[in-house]
Amino acid sequence: MERVIGLGGIFFKSSDKKSLAEWYKKHLGLPVDDWGGAVFPWATLAQKNEKAYTVWSAFSNDSTYFEPSGKSFILNFVVKDLTTLLETLRKEGVQVMDKTDESEYGKFGWIVDPEGNKIELWEPPAV
């Protein structure tokens, strides 16, 4: 019997959800719809022979991975060209963390949104 087969969404509270949605649309290119959210059709990426999956993972309560955010979650978005995107976001005044990481899992960079949420940007390794 199949149980969980993917991540259905990321839901969180916001003090100004309209403004925050516009920030994500402007700086990260999220396709925010009129209803205020975005939908990502993974099948489209798979058809382009790109890795298309979402990771679910729990961290221990004493993990420092979420810093500098005091929140108990991180948003992770797949990106095409991490280096260029981080340079662009810096120019736009987005808080970009200095650290980046590269491993067999791909390239990672981090930013912080206007409400203090840490966002992980992930460029998957080449297929």
Protein backbone atom coordinates (compact mmCIF):
# COMPACT_ATOMS: atom_id res chain seq x y z
CA MET A 1 0.00 0.00 0.00
CA GLU A 2 1.40 3.40 -0.98
CA ARG A 3 1.56 6.02 1.72
CA VAL A 4 3.25 9.40 1.28
CA ILE A 5 4.48 9.83 -2.29
CA GLY A 6 5.65 13.48 -2.29
CA LEU A 7 5.40 16.84 -0.63
CA GLY A 8 2.03 18.42 -1.29
CA GLY A 9 2.89 21.92 -0.19
CA ILE A 10 4.52 24.31 2.21
CA PHE A 11 2.18 26.31 4.41
CA PHE A 12 3.16 28.97 6.93
CA LYS A 13 1.82 32.08 8.59
CA SER A 14 2.67 35.61 7.47
CA SER A 15 2.08 39.02 8.98
CA ASP A 16 1.48 40.45 5.45
CA LYS A 17 0.81 37.57 3.08
CA LYS A 18 0.16 39.73 -0.01
CA SER A 19 3.41 41.67 0.36
CA LEU A 20 5.39 38.51 1.10
CA ALA A 21 3.90 36.77 -1.97
CA GLU A 22 4.97 39.73 -4.12
CA TRP A 23 8.52 39.51 -2.67
CA TYR A 24 8.74 35.81 -3.60
CA LYS A 25 7.35 36.57 -7.07
CA LYS A 26 9.79 39.44 -7.69
CA HIS A 27 12.99 37.99 -6.26
CA LEU A 28 12.56 34.23 -6.78
CA GLY A 29 10.19 34.19 -9.75
CA LEU A 30 7.51 32.12 -8.04
CA PRO A 31 4.43 31.91 -10.27
CA VAL A 32 2.10 33.40 -7.67
CA ASP A 33 -1.53 33.08 -8.76
CA ASP A 34 -4.39 35.46 -7.94
CA TRP A 35 -5.38 33.28 -4.97
CA GLY A 36 -1.99 34.06 -3.36
CA GLY A 37 -0.12 30.78 -3.80
CA ALA A 38 1.99 28.99 -6.41
CA VAL A 39 1.80 25.51 -7.91
CA PHE A 40 4.85 23.64 -9.24
CA PRO A 41 4.08 20.84 -11.73
CA TRP A 42 6.96 18.40 -11.18
CA ALA A 43 6.04 16.35 -14.24
CA THR A 44 7.20 19.25 -16.40
CA LEU A 45 10.73 19.02 -14.99
CA ALA A 46 10.83 15.25 -15.39
CA GLN A 47 9.84 15.59 -19.05
CA LYS A 48 12.86 17.85 -19.57
CA ASN A 49 15.10 15.09 -18.14
CA GLU A 50 15.76 17.14 -15.03
CA LYS A 51 15.74 15.67 -11.56
CA ALA A 52 12.28 16.24 -10.15
CA TYR A 53 11.74 15.41 -6.52
CA THR A 54 11.01 16.99 -3.17
CA VAL A 55 12.85 16.06 0.03
CA TRP A 56 11.21 15.73 3.44
CA SER A 57 13.59 15.64 6.39
CA ALA A 58 13.34 16.27 10.12
CA PHE A 59 16.15 17.93 12.08
CA SER A 60 16.91 17.67 15.79
CA ASN A 61 15.71 20.52 18.03
CA ASP A 62 19.30 21.62 18.72
CA SER A 63 20.26 21.89 15.02
CA THR A 64 21.88 25.17 13.98
CA TYR A 65 21.05 24.56 10.31
CA PHE A 66 18.05 26.93 10.45
CA GLU A 67 20.08 29.91 11.72
CA PRO A 68 19.96 32.88 11.47
CA SER A 69 16.20 32.31 11.37
CA GLY A 70 14.47 31.57 14.65
CA LYS A 71 11.77 29.67 12.75
CA SER A 72 11.31 25.91 12.89
CA PHE A 73 11.21 25.38 9.11
CA ILE A 74 13.19 26.12 5.96
CA LEU A 75 11.83 26.54 2.47
CA ASN A 76 13.87 24.84 -0.27
CA PHE A 77 13.52 25.88 -3.89
CA VAL A 78 15.12 24.28 -6.94
CA VAL A 79 17.03 26.80 -9.11
CA LYS A 80 18.82 26.63 -12.47
CA ASP A 81 21.94 28.77 -11.92
CA LEU A 82 22.62 29.30 -8.23
CA THR A 83 25.67 31.56 -8.63
CA THR A 84 23.95 34.00 -10.97
CA LEU A 85 20.77 34.03 -8.91
CA LEU A 86 22.64 34.81 -5.69
CA GLU A 87 24.50 37.68 -7.40
CA THR A 88 21.21 39.07 -8.72
CA LEU A 89 19.51 38.80 -5.33
CA ARG A 90 22.41 40.65 -3.64
CA LYS A 91 22.03 43.48 -6.18
CA GLU A 92 18.29 43.59 -5.39
CA GLY A 93 19.04 44.08 -1.70
CA VAL A 94 17.99 40.59 -0.60
CA GLN A 95 19.76 39.23 2.50
CA VAL A 96 22.06 36.59 0.98
CA MET A 97 24.09 34.47 3.36
CA ASP A 98 27.82 34.33 2.59
CA LYS A 99 28.12 30.55 2.84
CA THR A 100 27.45 28.29 -0.13
CA ASP A 101 27.97 24.54 -0.41
CA GLU A 102 28.65 22.12 -3.24
CA SER A 103 28.54 18.34 -3.02
CA GLU A 104 27.38 15.30 -4.95
CA TYR A 105 23.84 16.48 -4.09
CA GLY A 106 24.28 19.75 -5.97
CA LYS A 107 24.92 23.38 -5.07
CA PHE A 108 23.27 25.15 -2.14
CA GLY A 109 22.91 28.78 -1.14
CA TRP A 110 20.75 30.55 1.41
CA ILE A 111 18.81 33.78 1.68
CA VAL A 112 16.44 35.27 4.26
CA ASP A 113 13.04 36.70 3.34
CA PRO A 114 11.60 39.93 4.83
CA GLU A 115 9.94 38.00 7.69
CA GLY A 116 13.15 36.25 8.76
CA ASN A 117 12.49 32.90 7.10
CA LYS A 118 15.63 31.14 5.90
CA ILE A 119 15.34 29.92 2.31
CA GLU A 120 17.57 27.26 0.83
CA LEU A 121 18.23 27.53 -2.91
CA TRP A 122 19.26 24.25 -4.52
CA GLU A 123 20.79 23.66 -7.93
CA PRO A 124 20.62 19.88 -8.47
CA PRO A 125 23.62 18.12 -9.98
CA ALA A 126 23.62 17.57 -13.73
CA VAL A 127 21.65 14.50 -14.79
